[in-house]
Amino acid sequence: MAEQEEASKTIKVTMPNRIHQKLKKLSDESGISMSKLMLLATINEYKLIDDKLTPD
């Protein structure tokens, strides 16, 4: 059976200017979008990866 693509959602984020500036600088230096950086940080902080679905 083929894997089904998971639906996605769009969110709007409000943050203090100083955090935005740091995130923007990191994004510019790394070439990774600000939204991806925030998503990766959130996944890491709250351990949102389901180990059962993550390949070894």
PDB file of N, CA and C in Angstrom:
ATOM      1  N   MET A   1       0.856  -1.183   0.000  1.00  0.00           N
ATOM      2  CA  MET A   1       0.000   0.000   0.000  1.00  0.00           C
ATOM      3  C   MET A   1       0.897   1.240   0.000  1.00  0.00           C
ATOM      4  N   ALA A   2       0.589   2.202  -0.849  1.00  0.00           N
ATOM      5  CA  ALA A   2       1.376   3.431  -0.945  1.00  0.00           C
ATOM      6  C   ALA A   2       1.145   4.310   0.282  1.00  0.00           C
ATOM      7  N   GLU A   3       2.212   5.017   0.675  1.00  0.00           N
ATOM      8  CA  GLU A   3       2.082   5.919   1.814  1.00  0.00           C
ATOM      9  C   GLU A   3       1.220   7.110   1.423  1.00  0.00           C
ATOM     10  N   GLN A   4       0.380   7.538   2.360  1.00  0.00           N
ATOM     11  CA  GLN A   4      -0.441   8.715   2.119  1.00  0.00           C
ATOM     12  C   GLN A   4       0.307   9.943   2.607  1.00  0.00           C
ATOM     13  N   GLU A   5       0.232  11.024   1.833  1.00  0.00           N
ATOM     14  CA  GLU A   5       0.880  12.262   2.237  1.00  0.00           C
ATOM     15  C   GLU A   5       0.058  12.911   3.344  1.00  0.00           C
ATOM     16  N   GLU A   6       0.748  13.362   4.375  1.00  0.00           N
ATOM     17  CA  GLU A   6       0.085  13.984   5.512  1.00  0.00           C
ATOM     18  C   GLU A   6      -0.315  15.414   5.146  1.00  0.00           C
ATOM     19  N   ALA A   7      -1.496  15.830   5.572  1.00  0.00           N
ATOM     20  CA  ALA A   7      -1.959  17.192   5.321  1.00  0.00           C
ATOM     21  C   ALA A   7      -1.088  18.177   6.092  1.00  0.00           C
ATOM     22  N   SER A   8      -0.987  19.391   5.607  1.00  0.00           N
ATOM     23  CA  SER A   8      -0.187  20.399   6.284  1.00  0.00           C
ATOM     24  C   SER A   8      -1.062  21.574   6.701  1.00  0.00           C
ATOM     25  N   LYS A   9      -0.568  22.334   7.644  1.00  0.00           N
ATOM     26  CA  LYS A   9      -1.273  23.513   8.159  1.00  0.00           C
ATOM     27  C   LYS A   9      -0.361  24.717   8.074  1.00  0.00           C
ATOM     28  N   THR A  10      -0.935  25.887   7.953  1.00  0.00           N
ATOM     29  CA  THR A  10      -0.203  27.144   7.963  1.00  0.00           C
ATOM     30  C   THR A  10      -0.529  27.872   9.253  1.00  0.00           C
ATOM     31  N   ILE A  11       0.510  28.415   9.902  1.00  0.00           N
ATOM     32  CA  ILE A  11       0.287  29.176  11.127  1.00  0.00           C
ATOM     33  C   ILE A  11       0.942  30.549  11.009  1.00  0.00           C
ATOM     34  N   LYS A  12       0.473  31.476  11.798  1.00  0.00           N
ATOM     35  CA  LYS A  12       1.055  32.807  11.881  1.00  0.00           C
ATOM     36  C   LYS A  12       1.715  32.912  13.251  1.00  0.00           C
ATOM     37  N   VAL A  13       2.950  33.400  13.272  1.00  0.00           N
ATOM     38  CA  VAL A  13       3.706  33.466  14.512  1.00  0.00           C
ATOM     39  C   VAL A  13       4.052  34.916  14.825  1.00  0.00           C
ATOM     40  N   THR A  14       3.811  35.311  16.062  1.00  0.00           N
ATOM     41  CA  THR A  14       4.213  36.635  16.536  1.00  0.00           C
ATOM     42  C   THR A  14       5.335  36.433  17.544  1.00  0.00           C
ATOM     43  N   MET A  15       6.438  37.174  17.362  1.00  0.00           N
ATOM     44  CA  MET A  15       7.580  37.040  18.266  1.00  0.00           C
ATOM     45  C   MET A  15       8.208  38.399  18.512  1.00  0.00           C
ATOM     46  N   PRO A  16       8.930  38.520  19.607  1.00  0.00           N
ATOM     47  CA  PRO A  16       9.627  39.786  19.874  1.00  0.00           C
ATOM     48  C   PRO A  16      10.642  40.094  18.770  1.00  0.00           C
ATOM     49  N   ASN A  17      10.860  41.385  18.516  1.00  0.00           N
ATOM     50  CA  ASN A  17      11.784  41.802  17.455  1.00  0.00           C
ATOM     51  C   ASN A  17      13.180  41.235  17.641  1.00  0.00           C
ATOM     52  N   ARG A  18      13.675  41.180  18.884  1.00  0.00           N
ATOM     53  CA  ARG A  18      15.042  40.694  19.108  1.00  0.00           C
ATOM     54  C   ARG A  18      15.179  39.222  18.711  1.00  0.00           C
ATOM     55  N   ILE A  19      14.160  38.426  18.955  1.00  0.00           N
ATOM     56  CA  ILE A  19      14.205  37.020  18.551  1.00  0.00           C
ATOM     57  C   ILE A  19      14.116  36.920  17.032  1.00  0.00           C
ATOM     58  N   HIS A  20      13.266  37.735  16.433  1.00  0.00           N
ATOM     59  CA  HIS A  20      13.140  37.744  14.970  1.00  0.00           C
ATOM     60  C   HIS A  20      14.474  38.100  14.319  1.00  0.00           C
ATOM     61  N   GLN A  21      15.155  39.087  14.870  1.00  0.00           N
ATOM     62  CA  GLN A  21      16.442  39.508  14.304  1.00  0.00           C
ATOM     63  C   GLN A  21      17.477  38.384  14.397  1.00  0.00           C
ATOM     64  N   LYS A  22      17.531  37.701  15.532  1.00  0.00           N
ATOM     65  CA  LYS A  22      18.474  36.585  15.690  1.00  0.00           C
ATOM     66  C   LYS A  22      18.128  35.438  14.755  1.00  0.00           C
ATOM     67  N   LEU A  23      16.845  35.128  14.642  1.00  0.00           N
ATOM     68  CA  LEU A  23      16.399  34.059  13.758  1.00  0.00           C
ATOM     69  C   LEU A  23      16.684  34.413  12.301  1.00  0.00           C
ATOM     70  N   LYS A  24      16.449  35.648  11.930  1.00  0.00           N
ATOM     71  CA  LYS A  24      16.710  36.112  10.564  1.00  0.00           C
ATOM     72  C   LYS A  24      18.193  36.002  10.239  1.00  0.00           C
ATOM     73  N   LYS A  25      19.052  36.409  11.183  1.00  0.00           N
ATOM     74  CA  LYS A  25      20.501  36.326  10.973  1.00  0.00           C
ATOM     75  C   LYS A  25      20.925  34.873  10.795  1.00  0.00           C
ATOM     76  N   LEU A  26      20.416  33.990  11.647  1.00  0.00           N
ATOM     77  CA  LEU A  26      20.739  32.575  11.546  1.00  0.00           C
ATOM     78  C   LEU A  26      20.249  31.998  10.217  1.00  0.00           C
ATOM     79  N   SER A  27      19.066  32.399   9.806  1.00  0.00           N
ATOM     80  CA  SER A  27      18.509  31.947   8.538  1.00  0.00           C
ATOM     81  C   SER A  27      19.377  32.404   7.366  1.00  0.00           C
ATOM     82  N   ASP A  28      19.769  33.653   7.382  1.00  0.00           N
ATOM     83  CA  ASP A  28      20.608  34.191   6.307  1.00  0.00           C
ATOM     84  C   ASP A  28      21.960  33.490   6.242  1.00  0.00           C
ATOM     85  N   GLU A  29      22.535  33.221   7.409  1.00  0.00           N
ATOM     86  CA  GLU A  29      23.860  32.588   7.461  1.00  0.00           C
ATOM     87  C   GLU A  29      23.812  31.111   7.064  1.00  0.00           C
ATOM     88  N   SER A  30      22.746  30.430   7.423  1.00  0.00           N
ATOM     89  CA  SER A  30      22.669  28.989   7.176  1.00  0.00           C
ATOM     90  C   SER A  30      21.999  28.640   5.850  1.00  0.00           C
ATOM     91  N   GLY A  31      21.198  29.547   5.330  1.00  0.00           N
ATOM     92  CA  GLY A  31      20.460  29.259   4.106  1.00  0.00           C
ATOM     93  C   GLY A  31      19.200  28.445   4.358  1.00  0.00           C
ATOM     94  N   ILE A  32      18.840  28.267   5.629  1.00  0.00           N
ATOM     95  CA  ILE A  32      17.631  27.533   6.005  1.00  0.00           C
ATOM     96  C   ILE A  32      16.542  28.555   6.317  1.00  0.00           C
ATOM     97  N   SER A  33      15.343  28.341   5.802  1.00  0.00           N
ATOM     98  CA  SER A  33      14.272  29.313   6.010  1.00  0.00           C
ATOM     99  C   SER A  33      13.945  29.468   7.497  1.00  0.00           C
ATOM    100  N   MET A  34      13.447  30.632   7.857  1.00  0.00           N
ATOM    101  CA  MET A  34      13.080  30.901   9.245  1.00  0.00           C
ATOM    102  C   MET A  34      12.007  29.927   9.718  1.00  0.00           C
ATOM    103  N   SER A  35      11.050  29.628   8.867  1.00  0.00           N
ATOM    104  CA  SER A  35       9.983  28.714   9.276  1.00  0.00           C
ATOM    105  C   SER A  35      10.521  27.310   9.539  1.00  0.00           C
ATOM    106  N   LYS A  36      11.462  26.858   8.718  1.00  0.00           N
ATOM    107  CA  LYS A  36      12.045  25.534   8.937  1.00  0.00           C
ATOM    108  C   LYS A  36      12.868  25.519  10.218  1.00  0.00           C
ATOM    109  N   LEU A  37      13.614  26.588  10.500  1.00  0.00           N
ATOM    110  CA  LEU A  37      14.379  26.663  11.739  1.00  0.00           C
ATOM    111  C   LEU A  37      13.466  26.591  12.958  1.00  0.00           C
ATOM    112  N   MET A  38      12.345  27.324  12.914  1.00  0.00           N
ATOM    113  CA  MET A  38      11.406  27.291  14.041  1.00  0.00           C
ATOM    114  C   MET A  38      10.797  25.901  14.193  1.00  0.00           C
ATOM    115  N   LEU A  39      10.457  25.271  13.089  1.00  0.00           N
ATOM    116  CA  LEU A  39       9.877  23.930  13.135  1.00  0.00           C
ATOM    117  C   LEU A  39      10.869  22.921  13.704  1.00  0.00           C
ATOM    118  N   LEU A  40      12.114  22.966  13.232  1.00  0.00           N
ATOM    119  CA  LEU A  40      13.138  22.050  13.731  1.00  0.00           C
ATOM    120  C   LEU A  40      13.381  22.249  15.226  1.00  0.00           C
ATOM    121  N   ALA A  41      13.430  23.501  15.672  1.00  0.00           N
ATOM    122  CA  ALA A  41      13.637  23.794  17.089  1.00  0.00           C
ATOM    123  C   ALA A  41      12.471  23.274  17.930  1.00  0.00           C
ATOM    124  N   THR A  42      11.266  23.447  17.441  1.00  0.00           N
ATOM    125  CA  THR A  42      10.088  22.982  18.171  1.00  0.00           C
ATOM    126  C   THR A  42      10.062  21.459  18.267  1.00  0.00           C
ATOM    127  N   ILE A  43      10.344  20.800  17.157  1.00  0.00           N
ATOM    128  CA  ILE A  43      10.380  19.333  17.149  1.00  0.00           C
ATOM    129  C   ILE A  43      11.424  18.827  18.129  1.00  0.00           C
ATOM    130  N   ASN A  44      12.600  19.461  18.127  1.00  0.00           N
ATOM    131  CA  ASN A  44      13.679  19.048  19.027  1.00  0.00           C
ATOM    132  C   ASN A  44      13.327  19.332  20.485  1.00  0.00           C
ATOM    133  N   GLU A  45      12.817  20.507  20.772  1.00  0.00           N
ATOM    134  CA  GLU A  45      12.514  20.912  22.149  1.00  0.00           C
ATOM    135  C   GLU A  45      11.443  20.030  22.783  1.00  0.00           C
ATOM    136  N   TYR A  46      10.408  19.728  22.037  1.00  0.00           N
ATOM    137  CA  TYR A  46       9.274  18.987  22.591  1.00  0.00           C
ATOM    138  C   TYR A  46       9.254  17.514  22.175  1.00  0.00           C
ATOM    139  N   LYS A  47      10.346  17.069  21.538  1.00  0.00           N
ATOM    140  CA  LYS A  47      10.495  15.670  21.147  1.00  0.00           C
ATOM    141  C   LYS A  47       9.249  15.145  20.434  1.00  0.00           C
ATOM    142  N   LEU A  48       8.898  15.825  19.350  1.00  0.00           N
ATOM    143  CA  LEU A  48       7.671  15.525  18.619  1.00  0.00           C
ATOM    144  C   LEU A  48       7.839  14.436  17.567  1.00  0.00           C
ATOM    145  N   ILE A  49       9.044  13.925  17.396  1.00  0.00           N
ATOM    146  CA  ILE A  49       9.274  12.850  16.439  1.00  0.00           C
ATOM    147  C   ILE A  49       8.757  11.552  17.042  1.00  0.00           C
ATOM    148  N   ASP A  50       7.929  10.854  16.309  1.00  0.00           N
ATOM    149  CA  ASP A  50       7.408   9.573  16.751  1.00  0.00           C
ATOM    150  C   ASP A  50       8.438   8.511  16.382  1.00  0.00           C
ATOM    151  N   ASP A  51       9.130   7.961  17.382  1.00  0.00           N
ATOM    152  CA  ASP A  51      10.191   6.987  17.139  1.00  0.00           C
ATOM    153  C   ASP A  51       9.705   5.764  16.377  1.00  0.00           C
ATOM    154  N   LYS A  52       8.447   5.419  16.507  1.00  0.00           N
ATOM    155  CA  LYS A  52       7.918   4.257  15.800  1.00  0.00           C
ATOM    156  C   LYS A  52       7.899   4.496  14.286  1.00  0.00           C
ATOM    157  N   LEU A  53       7.809   5.750  13.883  1.00  0.00           N
ATOM    158  CA  LEU A  53       7.758   6.075  12.448  1.00  0.00           C
ATOM    159  C   LEU A  53       9.110   6.486  11.913  1.00  0.00           C
ATOM    160  N   THR A  54      10.100   6.681  12.786  1.00  0.00           N
ATOM    161  CA  THR A  54      11.411   7.126  12.368  1.00  0.00           C
ATOM    162  C   THR A  54      12.283   5.911  12.052  1.00  0.00           C
ATOM    163  N   PRO A  55      12.858   5.871  10.844  1.00  0.00           N
ATOM    164  CA  PRO A  55      13.727   4.732  10.520  1.00  0.00           C
ATOM    165  C   PRO A  55      14.974   4.722  11.400  1.00  0.00           C
ATOM    166  N   ASP A  56      15.508   3.542  11.654  1.00  0.00           N
ATOM    167  CA  ASP A  56      16.719   3.410  12.480  1.00  0.00           C
ATOM    168  C   ASP A  56      17.928   3.974  11.791  1.00  0.00           C
TER     169      ASP A  56
END
